[in-house]
Amino acid sequence: MPTKLVNADGISDTTTDAVMGQGVTVLFTVPGAFTPTCHVNHLPGFLANQPKLKAAGVERIICAAVNDHHVMKAWAENTGALGQIDFIADGNGALAKAFGLELDLTAAGMGPRLARSAMLIRDGVVQDIFVEDGPGVGASGAPAILMALEAANS
């Protein structure tokens, strides 16, 4: 599926296959860039654990949100994650629909979003998916992904 990728090289048009189709990828999805839990808890956890994730065999860490690529770039720069984590701008929610992770936040004035989740993807195939069933970061946080990687690699 076509997507906008934000990484250290800039913003590019690409496909999800090109981004997640080879190697071991961790994709974590958030309801929105700069939103309180996403900005203070979810993204910083993956940024802080990036060396451990790489040591566990993860080749690429990607964050996706239903925001445009300009917002995603600003968020990546603001958090210091640019160059360590790649970002997918799911501006139209196509990725959210494809993964079945649509979250309707219309009542909160935010419209359709991606549910908070994380997944381990190996050569384009989702091996494990962890979707939060309530507010906060638990099952989809970096520590949970590290434990899943440890279990898969043992």
N, C-alpha and C. Protein backbone atom coordinates (compact mmCIF):
# COMPACT_ATOMS: atom_id res chain seq x y z
N MET A 1 0.84 -1.16 0.00
CA MET A 1 0.00 0.00 0.00
C MET A 1 0.90 1.23 0.00
N PRO A 2 0.53 2.26 -0.76
CA PRO A 2 1.33 3.49 -0.79
C PRO A 2 1.33 4.18 0.58
N THR A 3 2.45 4.79 0.91
CA THR A 3 2.56 5.49 2.19
C THR A 3 3.62 6.58 2.10
N LYS A 4 3.62 7.45 3.08
CA LYS A 4 4.66 8.48 3.21
C LYS A 4 5.58 8.06 4.34
N LEU A 5 6.86 7.98 4.04
CA LEU A 5 7.86 7.61 5.03
C LEU A 5 8.66 8.85 5.42
N VAL A 6 8.83 9.02 6.71
CA VAL A 6 9.66 10.10 7.24
C VAL A 6 10.83 9.44 7.96
N ASN A 7 12.04 9.75 7.48
CA ASN A 7 13.23 9.21 8.14
C ASN A 7 14.38 10.20 7.99
N ALA A 8 15.56 9.79 8.34
CA ALA A 8 16.73 10.68 8.30
C ALA A 8 17.01 11.21 6.90
N ASP A 9 16.54 10.50 5.88
CA ASP A 9 16.75 10.94 4.49
C ASP A 9 15.72 11.96 4.04
N GLY A 10 14.69 12.20 4.85
CA GLY A 10 13.65 13.15 4.48
C GLY A 10 12.29 12.49 4.42
N ILE A 11 11.45 12.97 3.53
CA ILE A 11 10.10 12.45 3.33
C ILE A 11 10.05 11.83 1.95
N SER A 12 9.53 10.60 1.87
CA SER A 12 9.47 9.94 0.57
C SER A 12 8.15 9.18 0.40
N ASP A 13 7.75 9.06 -0.85
CA ASP A 13 6.62 8.21 -1.20
C ASP A 13 7.17 6.81 -1.37
N THR A 14 6.53 5.85 -0.73
CA THR A 14 6.99 4.48 -0.80
C THR A 14 5.80 3.55 -0.58
N THR A 15 6.07 2.30 -0.31
CA THR A 15 5.00 1.34 -0.01
C THR A 15 5.31 0.66 1.31
N THR A 16 4.28 0.12 1.92
CA THR A 16 4.49 -0.60 3.17
C THR A 16 5.36 -1.83 2.94
N ASP A 17 5.25 -2.47 1.77
CA ASP A 17 6.12 -3.61 1.44
C ASP A 17 7.60 -3.20 1.45
N ALA A 18 7.89 -2.06 0.86
CA ALA A 18 9.28 -1.60 0.81
C ALA A 18 9.80 -1.26 2.20
N VAL A 19 8.93 -0.77 3.07
CA VAL A 19 9.35 -0.35 4.40
C VAL A 19 9.42 -1.53 5.37
N MET A 20 8.46 -2.45 5.28
CA MET A 20 8.37 -3.53 6.27
C MET A 20 8.54 -4.93 5.68
N GLY A 21 8.94 -5.02 4.43
CA GLY A 21 8.95 -6.31 3.74
C GLY A 21 10.16 -7.18 3.95
N GLN A 22 11.22 -6.63 4.52
CA GLN A 22 12.44 -7.42 4.71
C GLN A 22 12.97 -7.27 6.12
N GLY A 23 13.45 -8.36 6.65
CA GLY A 23 14.08 -8.32 7.96
C GLY A 23 13.08 -8.26 9.10
N VAL A 24 13.59 -7.93 10.28
CA VAL A 24 12.78 -7.85 11.49
C VAL A 24 12.47 -6.38 11.77
N THR A 25 11.19 -6.10 11.83
CA THR A 25 10.70 -4.74 12.04
C THR A 25 9.80 -4.71 13.26
N VAL A 26 9.91 -3.66 14.04
CA VAL A 26 8.93 -3.36 15.07
C VAL A 26 8.15 -2.16 14.57
N LEU A 27 6.85 -2.32 14.45
CA LEU A 27 5.96 -1.22 14.09
C LEU A 27 5.09 -0.93 15.30
N PHE A 28 5.15 0.30 15.78
CA PHE A 28 4.22 0.68 16.83
C PHE A 28 3.33 1.80 16.31
N THR A 29 2.06 1.71 16.67
CA THR A 29 1.08 2.66 16.18
C THR A 29 0.52 3.46 17.34
N VAL A 30 0.30 4.73 17.07
CA VAL A 30 -0.19 5.64 18.11
C VAL A 30 -1.37 6.43 17.58
N PRO A 31 -2.26 6.86 18.47
CA PRO A 31 -3.40 7.67 18.02
C PRO A 31 -2.99 9.02 17.41
N GLY A 32 -1.90 9.62 17.86
CA GLY A 32 -1.52 10.88 17.25
C GLY A 32 -0.20 11.43 17.75
N ALA A 33 0.52 12.05 16.83
CA ALA A 33 1.75 12.73 17.18
C ALA A 33 1.45 13.86 18.14
N PHE A 34 2.33 14.08 19.06
CA PHE A 34 2.24 15.16 20.04
C PHE A 34 1.09 14.99 21.05
N THR A 35 0.31 13.92 20.96
CA THR A 35 -0.75 13.72 21.94
C THR A 35 -0.11 13.23 23.24
N PRO A 36 -0.72 13.50 24.39
CA PRO A 36 -0.02 13.30 25.67
C PRO A 36 0.63 11.92 25.88
N THR A 37 -0.11 10.85 25.80
CA THR A 37 0.46 9.53 26.07
C THR A 37 1.46 9.14 24.99
N CYS A 38 1.16 9.45 23.76
CA CYS A 38 2.05 9.10 22.65
C CYS A 38 3.38 9.83 22.78
N HIS A 39 3.31 11.10 23.13
CA HIS A 39 4.48 11.97 23.18
C HIS A 39 5.32 11.75 24.45
N VAL A 40 4.67 11.47 25.55
CA VAL A 40 5.36 11.38 26.83
C VAL A 40 5.76 9.94 27.20
N ASN A 41 4.98 8.95 26.73
CA ASN A 41 5.22 7.57 27.14
C ASN A 41 5.59 6.61 26.01
N HIS A 42 4.79 6.59 24.95
CA HIS A 42 4.95 5.53 23.96
C HIS A 42 6.24 5.72 23.13
N LEU A 43 6.33 6.82 22.40
CA LEU A 43 7.52 7.06 21.58
C LEU A 43 8.80 7.10 22.41
N PRO A 44 8.84 7.82 23.54
CA PRO A 44 10.09 7.84 24.31
C PRO A 44 10.56 6.46 24.78
N GLY A 45 9.62 5.57 25.05
CA GLY A 45 10.01 4.21 25.46
C GLY A 45 10.75 3.48 24.36
N PHE A 46 10.28 3.63 23.13
CA PHE A 46 10.97 2.98 22.00
C PHE A 46 12.30 3.67 21.70
N LEU A 47 12.34 4.97 21.85
CA LEU A 47 13.58 5.69 21.62
C LEU A 47 14.64 5.28 22.65
N ALA A 48 14.25 5.21 23.91
CA ALA A 48 15.19 4.81 24.97
C ALA A 48 15.65 3.37 24.81
N ASN A 49 14.78 2.51 24.30
CA ASN A 49 15.12 1.09 24.17
C ASN A 49 15.62 0.71 22.79
N GLN A 50 15.84 1.68 21.94
CA GLN A 50 16.29 1.41 20.58
C GLN A 50 17.56 0.56 20.56
N PRO A 51 18.58 0.85 21.37
CA PRO A 51 19.78 0.01 21.35
C PRO A 51 19.49 -1.45 21.75
N LYS A 52 18.63 -1.65 22.73
CA LYS A 52 18.28 -3.02 23.15
C LYS A 52 17.49 -3.74 22.06
N LEU A 53 16.60 -3.04 21.40
CA LEU A 53 15.82 -3.65 20.32
C LEU A 53 16.74 -4.05 19.17
N LYS A 54 17.68 -3.19 18.83
CA LYS A 54 18.64 -3.51 17.76
C LYS A 54 19.50 -4.71 18.16
N ALA A 55 19.93 -4.74 19.42
CA ALA A 55 20.74 -5.87 19.91
C ALA A 55 19.96 -7.17 19.88
N ALA A 56 18.63 -7.09 19.99
CA ALA A 56 17.77 -8.28 19.95
C ALA A 56 17.43 -8.70 18.52
N GLY A 57 17.99 -8.00 17.53
CA GLY A 57 17.80 -8.40 16.15
C GLY A 57 16.83 -7.56 15.34
N VAL A 58 16.28 -6.51 15.93
CA VAL A 58 15.37 -5.64 15.19
C VAL A 58 16.19 -4.76 14.25
N GLU A 59 15.82 -4.78 12.99
CA GLU A 59 16.55 -4.00 12.00
C GLU A 59 15.95 -2.61 11.79
N ARG A 60 14.63 -2.50 12.05
CA ARG A 60 13.97 -1.22 11.80
C ARG A 60 12.85 -1.03 12.82
N ILE A 61 12.78 0.16 13.38
CA ILE A 61 11.70 0.54 14.29
C ILE A 61 10.91 1.64 13.58
N ILE A 62 9.61 1.44 13.53
CA ILE A 62 8.76 2.39 12.81
C ILE A 62 7.58 2.78 13.70
N CYS A 63 7.26 4.04 13.68
CA CYS A 63 6.09 4.56 14.37
C CYS A 63 5.11 5.06 13.32
N ALA A 64 3.85 4.68 13.44
CA ALA A 64 2.82 5.13 12.50
C ALA A 64 1.70 5.83 13.26
N ALA A 65 1.17 6.88 12.65
CA ALA A 65 0.04 7.61 13.22
C ALA A 65 -0.79 8.20 12.08
N VAL A 66 -2.06 8.44 12.37
CA VAL A 66 -2.93 9.09 11.39
C VAL A 66 -2.70 10.60 11.52
N ASN A 67 -1.57 11.01 10.98
CA ASN A 67 -1.19 12.42 10.88
C ASN A 67 -0.54 12.59 9.51
N ASP A 68 -0.44 13.83 9.05
CA ASP A 68 0.25 14.05 7.77
C ASP A 68 1.76 14.00 7.98
N HIS A 69 2.48 13.93 6.87
CA HIS A 69 3.94 13.77 6.94
C HIS A 69 4.65 14.99 7.51
N HIS A 70 4.06 16.17 7.39
CA HIS A 70 4.68 17.36 7.98
C HIS A 70 4.65 17.28 9.51
N VAL A 71 3.52 16.84 10.05
CA VAL A 71 3.39 16.69 11.50
C VAL A 71 4.32 15.58 11.99
N MET A 72 4.37 14.48 11.27
CA MET A 72 5.24 13.37 11.69
C MET A 72 6.71 13.79 11.67
N LYS A 73 7.11 14.57 10.68
CA LYS A 73 8.49 15.05 10.62
C LYS A 73 8.79 15.97 11.80
N ALA A 74 7.88 16.89 12.07
CA ALA A 74 8.07 17.80 13.20
C ALA A 74 8.16 17.04 14.51
N TRP A 75 7.34 15.99 14.67
CA TRP A 75 7.35 15.19 15.89
C TRP A 75 8.68 14.43 16.02
N ALA A 76 9.12 13.84 14.91
CA ALA A 76 10.39 13.10 14.92
C ALA A 76 11.54 14.02 15.31
N GLU A 77 11.55 15.23 14.76
CA GLU A 77 12.61 16.19 15.08
C GLU A 77 12.50 16.65 16.53
N ASN A 78 11.30 16.96 16.98
CA ASN A 78 11.07 17.49 18.32
C ASN A 78 11.52 16.50 19.41
N THR A 79 11.33 15.23 19.15
CA THR A 79 11.64 14.20 20.15
C THR A 79 13.07 13.66 20.06
N GLY A 80 13.80 14.05 19.02
CA GLY A 80 15.14 13.51 18.81
C GLY A 80 15.13 12.10 18.25
N ALA A 81 13.98 11.65 17.77
CA ALA A 81 13.87 10.29 17.24
C ALA A 81 14.28 10.17 15.77
N LEU A 82 14.33 11.29 15.07
CA LEU A 82 14.68 11.25 13.65
C LEU A 82 16.07 10.65 13.49
N GLY A 83 16.16 9.63 12.67
CA GLY A 83 17.43 8.93 12.46
C GLY A 83 17.57 7.67 13.28
N GLN A 84 16.71 7.52 14.29
CA GLN A 84 16.74 6.31 15.11
C GLN A 84 15.47 5.48 14.91
N ILE A 85 14.37 6.18 14.69
CA ILE A 85 13.07 5.56 14.44
C ILE A 85 12.54 6.17 13.15
N ASP A 86 11.96 5.34 12.30
CA ASP A 86 11.31 5.84 11.09
C ASP A 86 9.84 6.07 11.39
N PHE A 87 9.21 6.91 10.60
CA PHE A 87 7.81 7.27 10.84
C PHE A 87 7.00 7.10 9.57
N ILE A 88 5.80 6.56 9.73
CA ILE A 88 4.85 6.45 8.63
C ILE A 88 3.70 7.40 8.92
N ALA A 89 3.45 8.27 7.95
CA ALA A 89 2.32 9.19 8.03
C ALA A 89 1.13 8.53 7.36
N ASP A 90 0.17 8.11 8.17
CA ASP A 90 -1.04 7.44 7.66
C ASP A 90 -2.17 8.48 7.59
N GLY A 91 -1.92 9.55 6.86
CA GLY A 91 -2.81 10.70 6.82
C GLY A 91 -4.27 10.40 6.53
N ASN A 92 -4.53 9.43 5.70
CA ASN A 92 -5.91 9.08 5.35
C ASN A 92 -6.44 7.87 6.12
N GLY A 93 -5.64 7.30 6.99
CA GLY A 93 -6.07 6.15 7.78
C GLY A 93 -6.10 4.83 7.02
N ALA A 94 -5.45 4.77 5.87
CA ALA A 94 -5.46 3.54 5.07
C ALA A 94 -4.78 2.38 5.79
N LEU A 95 -3.66 2.67 6.45
CA LEU A 95 -2.94 1.63 7.20
C LEU A 95 -3.79 1.17 8.38
N ALA A 96 -4.44 2.11 9.05
CA ALA A 96 -5.31 1.76 10.18
C ALA A 96 -6.40 0.79 9.72
N LYS A 97 -6.99 1.07 8.58
CA LYS A 97 -8.04 0.19 8.04
C LYS A 97 -7.46 -1.17 7.65
N ALA A 98 -6.32 -1.16 6.96
CA ALA A 98 -5.71 -2.42 6.49
C ALA A 98 -5.36 -3.35 7.64
N PHE A 99 -4.89 -2.79 8.74
CA PHE A 99 -4.53 -3.60 9.90
C PHE A 99 -5.72 -3.87 10.82
N GLY A 100 -6.87 -3.27 10.54
CA GLY A 100 -8.03 -3.44 11.41
C GLY A 100 -7.82 -2.75 12.76
N LEU A 101 -7.07 -1.66 12.75
CA LEU A 101 -6.73 -0.95 13.98
C LEU A 101 -7.34 0.45 14.03
N GLU A 102 -8.47 0.62 13.36
CA GLU A 102 -9.13 1.93 13.41
C GLU A 102 -9.69 2.19 14.80
N LEU A 103 -9.46 3.38 15.26
CA LEU A 103 -9.96 3.83 16.55
C LEU A 103 -10.75 5.10 16.30
N ASP A 104 -12.04 5.07 16.62
CA ASP A 104 -12.89 6.23 16.37
C ASP A 104 -12.84 7.18 17.56
N LEU A 105 -12.13 8.27 17.37
CA LEU A 105 -12.03 9.30 18.41
C LEU A 105 -12.81 10.55 18.01
N THR A 106 -13.85 10.35 17.21
CA THR A 106 -14.68 11.47 16.76
C THR A 106 -15.28 12.22 17.93
N ALA A 107 -15.73 11.52 18.95
CA ALA A 107 -16.34 12.16 20.12
C ALA A 107 -15.35 13.09 20.82
N ALA A 108 -14.06 12.81 20.70
CA ALA A 108 -13.03 13.65 21.32
C ALA A 108 -12.52 14.72 20.35
N GLY A 109 -13.14 14.79 19.16
CA GLY A 109 -12.75 15.79 18.17
C GLY A 109 -11.52 15.44 17.37
N MET A 110 -11.12 14.16 17.39
CA MET A 110 -9.90 13.75 16.70
C MET A 110 -10.16 12.89 15.46
N GLY A 111 -11.41 12.45 15.26
CA GLY A 111 -11.72 11.63 14.09
C GLY A 111 -11.15 10.23 14.19
N PRO A 112 -11.12 9.54 13.05
CA PRO A 112 -10.57 8.18 13.04
C PRO A 112 -9.05 8.20 13.21
N ARG A 113 -8.54 7.29 14.02
CA ARG A 113 -7.11 7.21 14.32
C ARG A 113 -6.65 5.77 14.31
N LEU A 114 -5.37 5.58 14.51
CA LEU A 114 -4.81 4.24 14.73
C LEU A 114 -4.92 3.92 16.22
N ALA A 115 -5.32 2.72 16.52
CA ALA A 115 -5.31 2.26 17.91
C ALA A 115 -3.86 2.12 18.36
N ARG A 116 -3.65 2.23 19.65
CA ARG A 116 -2.31 2.07 20.21
C ARG A 116 -1.94 0.58 20.16
N SER A 117 -0.86 0.27 19.47
CA SER A 117 -0.44 -1.12 19.33
C SER A 117 1.05 -1.19 19.02
N ALA A 118 1.55 -2.40 19.00
CA ALA A 118 2.90 -2.67 18.53
C ALA A 118 2.89 -4.05 17.91
N MET A 119 3.72 -4.24 16.92
CA MET A 119 3.79 -5.55 16.29
C MET A 119 5.21 -5.88 15.87
N LEU A 120 5.49 -7.18 15.88
CA LEU A 120 6.74 -7.71 15.36
C LEU A 120 6.45 -8.23 13.96
N ILE A 121 7.22 -7.76 12.99
CA ILE A 121 7.02 -8.14 11.60
C ILE A 121 8.32 -8.75 11.10
N ARG A 122 8.22 -9.94 10.56
CA ARG A 122 9.39 -10.62 10.00
C ARG A 122 9.16 -10.83 8.50
N ASP A 123 10.02 -10.22 7.70
CA ASP A 123 9.93 -10.32 6.25
C ASP A 123 8.52 -10.04 5.74
N GLY A 124 7.91 -9.00 6.26
CA GLY A 124 6.60 -8.56 5.78
C GLY A 124 5.41 -9.27 6.39
N VAL A 125 5.65 -10.21 7.28
CA VAL A 125 4.56 -10.98 7.90
C VAL A 125 4.47 -10.61 9.38
N VAL A 126 3.29 -10.21 9.82
CA VAL A 126 3.10 -9.88 11.22
C VAL A 126 3.16 -11.18 12.03
N GLN A 127 4.13 -11.25 12.93
CA GLN A 127 4.32 -12.44 13.77
C GLN A 127 3.55 -12.32 15.08
N ASP A 128 3.59 -11.13 15.66
CA ASP A 128 2.90 -10.86 16.93
C ASP A 128 2.34 -9.46 16.87
N ILE A 129 1.15 -9.29 17.46
CA ILE A 129 0.56 -7.97 17.56
C ILE A 129 0.03 -7.78 18.98
N PHE A 130 0.28 -6.61 19.52
CA PHE A 130 -0.12 -6.28 20.88
C PHE A 130 -0.92 -4.98 20.83
N VAL A 131 -2.21 -5.07 21.11
CA VAL A 131 -3.10 -3.92 21.04
C VAL A 131 -3.55 -3.56 22.45
N GLU A 132 -3.43 -2.31 22.78
CA GLU A 132 -3.87 -1.85 24.10
C GLU A 132 -5.39 -1.94 24.19
N ASP A 133 -5.89 -2.42 25.31
CA ASP A 133 -7.34 -2.52 25.49
C ASP A 133 -7.88 -1.40 26.37
N GLY A 134 -7.05 -0.44 26.69
CA GLY A 134 -7.46 0.70 27.49
C GLY A 134 -6.43 1.80 27.36
N PRO A 135 -6.60 2.86 28.13
CA PRO A 135 -5.63 3.96 28.04
C PRO A 135 -4.27 3.56 28.60
N GLY A 136 -3.26 4.29 28.19
CA GLY A 136 -1.91 4.05 28.69
C GLY A 136 -1.11 3.12 27.78
N VAL A 137 0.14 2.92 28.18
CA VAL A 137 1.06 2.06 27.42
C VAL A 137 1.46 0.90 28.31
N GLY A 138 1.15 -0.29 27.90
CA GLY A 138 1.52 -1.50 28.63
C GLY A 138 1.93 -2.57 27.63
N ALA A 139 0.93 -3.23 27.06
CA ALA A 139 1.17 -4.34 26.13
C ALA A 139 1.91 -3.91 24.87
N SER A 140 1.79 -2.64 24.50
CA SER A 140 2.41 -2.17 23.25
C SER A 140 3.68 -1.36 23.48
N GLY A 141 4.17 -1.33 24.69
CA GLY A 141 5.38 -0.57 24.98
C GLY A 141 6.64 -1.34 24.64
N ALA A 142 7.74 -0.64 24.58
CA ALA A 142 9.02 -1.25 24.24
C ALA A 142 9.41 -2.40 25.17
N PRO A 143 9.20 -2.30 26.50
CA PRO A 143 9.55 -3.43 27.36
C PRO A 143 8.79 -4.72 27.00
N ALA A 144 7.53 -4.59 26.63
CA ALA A 144 6.73 -5.76 26.25
C ALA A 144 7.26 -6.36 24.95
N ILE A 145 7.66 -5.51 24.03
CA ILE A 145 8.21 -6.00 22.76
C ILE A 145 9.55 -6.69 23.00
N LEU A 146 10.36 -6.15 23.88
CA LEU A 146 11.62 -6.79 24.20
C LEU A 146 11.40 -8.18 24.79
N MET A 147 10.40 -8.31 25.66
CA MET A 147 10.10 -9.63 26.23
C MET A 147 9.61 -10.60 25.14
N ALA A 148 8.80 -10.12 24.21
CA ALA A 148 8.33 -10.96 23.11
C ALA A 148 9.49 -11.39 22.22
N LEU A 149 10.42 -10.50 21.96
CA LEU A 149 11.59 -10.84 21.16
C LEU A 149 12.46 -11.87 21.86
N GLU A 150 12.61 -11.70 23.15
CA GLU A 150 13.39 -12.64 23.96
C GLU A 150 12.76 -14.03 23.88
N ALA A 151 11.44 -14.09 24.02
CA ALA A 151 10.73 -15.38 23.95
C ALA A 151 10.86 -16.00 22.56
N ALA A 152 10.76 -15.19 21.52
CA ALA A 152 10.84 -15.69 20.15
C ALA A 152 12.25 -16.15 19.81
N ASN A 153 13.24 -15.54 20.39
CA ASN A 153 14.63 -15.88 20.08
C ASN A 153 15.20 -16.99 20.95
N SER A 154 14.40 -17.48 21.92
CA SER A 154 14.95 -18.52 22.80
C SER A 154 14.52 -19.90 22.35
